[in-house]
Amino acid sequence: MSAAARERVVDARGMEPPDPMEKVMEALDELRPGESVRMLLHREPFPLYAILAERGYRHETRMEPDGSYVILIRQAEASA
């Protein structure tokens, strides 16, 4: 299975809180072992990071040239 097929994309650009948080939490609840979530957002989701850590997830955040963010979220044991 390709990496893209093992990724769930949550495109939350343009959404207002709390919609992005709700969408990414729904996607995380549906994750299968080895899958990840790629979240696209128009601002950095600082409140999300503590929630991810509490629930056993790791994240990598990258700012795009247009100022949007890509956050790749994986289960902590899957990224170790």
C-alpha atoms as a PDB file:
ATOM      1  CA  MET A   1       0.000   0.000   0.000  1.00  0.00           C
ATOM      2  CA  SER A   2       1.423   3.400  -0.922  1.00  0.00           C
ATOM      3  CA  ALA A   3       2.060   6.117   1.665  1.00  0.00           C
ATOM      4  CA  ALA A   4      -0.708   8.256   0.145  1.00  0.00           C
ATOM      5  CA  ALA A   5      -3.196   5.392   0.501  1.00  0.00           C
ATOM      6  CA  ARG A   6      -2.303   5.114   4.187  1.00  0.00           C
ATOM      7  CA  GLU A   7      -3.057   8.773   4.798  1.00  0.00           C
ATOM      8  CA  ARG A   8      -6.357  10.430   5.617  1.00  0.00           C
ATOM      9  CA  VAL A   9      -6.501  14.057   4.515  1.00  0.00           C
ATOM     10  CA  VAL A  10      -8.429  16.623   6.532  1.00  0.00           C
ATOM     11  CA  ASP A  11      -8.617  19.825   4.505  1.00  0.00           C
ATOM     12  CA  ALA A  12      -9.679  22.364   7.118  1.00  0.00           C
ATOM     13  CA  ARG A  13      -8.449  25.463   5.282  1.00  0.00           C
ATOM     14  CA  GLY A  14     -11.017  28.197   5.611  1.00  0.00           C
ATOM     15  CA  MET A  15     -12.928  26.473   8.411  1.00  0.00           C
ATOM     16  CA  GLU A  16     -13.476  28.347  11.651  1.00  0.00           C
ATOM     17  CA  PRO A  17     -13.075  26.823  15.131  1.00  0.00           C
ATOM     18  CA  PRO A  18     -14.165  24.397  16.372  1.00  0.00           C
ATOM     19  CA  ASP A  19     -14.695  22.688  12.997  1.00  0.00           C
ATOM     20  CA  PRO A  20     -11.018  21.897  12.225  1.00  0.00           C
ATOM     21  CA  MET A  21     -10.496  20.317  15.654  1.00  0.00           C
ATOM     22  CA  GLU A  22     -13.689  18.275  15.338  1.00  0.00           C
ATOM     23  CA  LYS A  23     -12.767  17.060  11.840  1.00  0.00           C
ATOM     24  CA  VAL A  24      -9.241  15.997  12.787  1.00  0.00           C
ATOM     25  CA  MET A  25     -10.438  14.237  15.957  1.00  0.00           C
ATOM     26  CA  GLU A  26     -13.021  12.299  13.898  1.00  0.00           C
ATOM     27  CA  ALA A  27     -10.286  11.253  11.470  1.00  0.00           C
ATOM     28  CA  LEU A  28      -8.030  10.153  14.331  1.00  0.00           C
ATOM     29  CA  ASP A  29     -10.834   8.067  15.824  1.00  0.00           C
ATOM     30  CA  GLU A  30     -11.085   6.193  12.497  1.00  0.00           C
ATOM     31  CA  LEU A  31      -7.343   5.545  12.049  1.00  0.00           C
ATOM     32  CA  ARG A  32      -6.183   2.003  11.518  1.00  0.00           C
ATOM     33  CA  PRO A  33      -2.713   0.816  12.516  1.00  0.00           C
ATOM     34  CA  GLY A  34      -0.049   2.331  10.276  1.00  0.00           C
ATOM     35  CA  GLU A  35      -2.285   5.115   8.969  1.00  0.00           C
ATOM     36  CA  SER A  36      -1.718   8.824   9.457  1.00  0.00           C
ATOM     37  CA  VAL A  37      -3.696  12.043   9.115  1.00  0.00           C
ATOM     38  CA  ARG A  38      -2.522  14.950   6.985  1.00  0.00           C
ATOM     39  CA  MET A  39      -4.276  18.106   8.131  1.00  0.00           C
ATOM     40  CA  LEU A  40      -4.302  21.205   5.936  1.00  0.00           C
ATOM     41  CA  LEU A  41      -5.035  24.416   7.805  1.00  0.00           C
ATOM     42  CA  HIS A  42      -4.753  28.176   7.289  1.00  0.00           C
ATOM     43  CA  ARG A  43      -3.237  28.776  10.742  1.00  0.00           C
ATOM     44  CA  GLU A  44      -1.043  26.797  13.107  1.00  0.00           C
ATOM     45  CA  PRO A  45      -3.239  24.764  15.492  1.00  0.00           C
ATOM     46  CA  PHE A  46      -1.352  25.286  18.767  1.00  0.00           C
ATOM     47  CA  PRO A  47      -4.201  23.923  20.988  1.00  0.00           C
ATOM     48  CA  LEU A  48      -4.170  20.680  18.992  1.00  0.00           C
ATOM     49  CA  TYR A  49      -0.582  19.794  19.888  1.00  0.00           C
ATOM     50  CA  ALA A  50      -1.215  19.178  23.608  1.00  0.00           C
ATOM     51  CA  ILE A  51      -4.303  17.106  22.811  1.00  0.00           C
ATOM     52  CA  LEU A  52      -2.309  14.969  20.386  1.00  0.00           C
ATOM     53  CA  ALA A  53       0.431  14.372  22.964  1.00  0.00           C
ATOM     54  CA  GLU A  54      -2.125  13.417  25.632  1.00  0.00           C
ATOM     55  CA  ARG A  55      -3.690  10.880  23.270  1.00  0.00           C
ATOM     56  CA  GLY A  56      -0.441   9.281  22.148  1.00  0.00           C
ATOM     57  CA  TYR A  57       0.099  10.973  18.791  1.00  0.00           C
ATOM     58  CA  ARG A  58       3.118  12.723  17.306  1.00  0.00           C
ATOM     59  CA  HIS A  59       2.975  15.465  14.734  1.00  0.00           C
ATOM     60  CA  GLU A  60       5.188  17.207  12.210  1.00  0.00           C
ATOM     61  CA  THR A  61       4.194  20.705  11.155  1.00  0.00           C
ATOM     62  CA  ARG A  62       5.321  22.469   7.997  1.00  0.00           C
ATOM     63  CA  MET A  63       4.457  25.978   6.847  1.00  0.00           C
ATOM     64  CA  GLU A  64       3.731  26.225   3.126  1.00  0.00           C
ATOM     65  CA  PRO A  65       4.865  29.171   0.948  1.00  0.00           C
ATOM     66  CA  ASP A  66       1.290  30.519   0.934  1.00  0.00           C
ATOM     67  CA  GLY A  67       1.287  30.720   4.759  1.00  0.00           C
ATOM     68  CA  SER A  68      -0.930  27.661   5.284  1.00  0.00           C
ATOM     69  CA  TYR A  69       0.151  24.677   7.384  1.00  0.00           C
ATOM     70  CA  VAL A  70       0.442  20.950   6.799  1.00  0.00           C
ATOM     71  CA  ILE A  71       0.342  18.847   9.953  1.00  0.00           C
ATOM     72  CA  LEU A  72       1.177  15.151   9.646  1.00  0.00           C
ATOM     73  CA  ILE A  73      -0.178  13.166  12.613  1.00  0.00           C
ATOM     74  CA  ARG A  74       0.795   9.594  13.486  1.00  0.00           C
ATOM     75  CA  GLN A  75       0.377   7.297  16.440  1.00  0.00           C
ATOM     76  CA  ALA A  76       3.466   7.710  18.628  1.00  0.00           C
ATOM     77  CA  GLU A  77       4.448   4.030  18.453  1.00  0.00           C
ATOM     78  CA  ALA A  78       4.146   4.066  14.641  1.00  0.00           C
ATOM     79  CA  SER A  79       6.648   6.906  14.257  1.00  0.00           C
ATOM     80  CA  ALA A  80       9.240   5.700  16.738  1.00  0.00           C
END
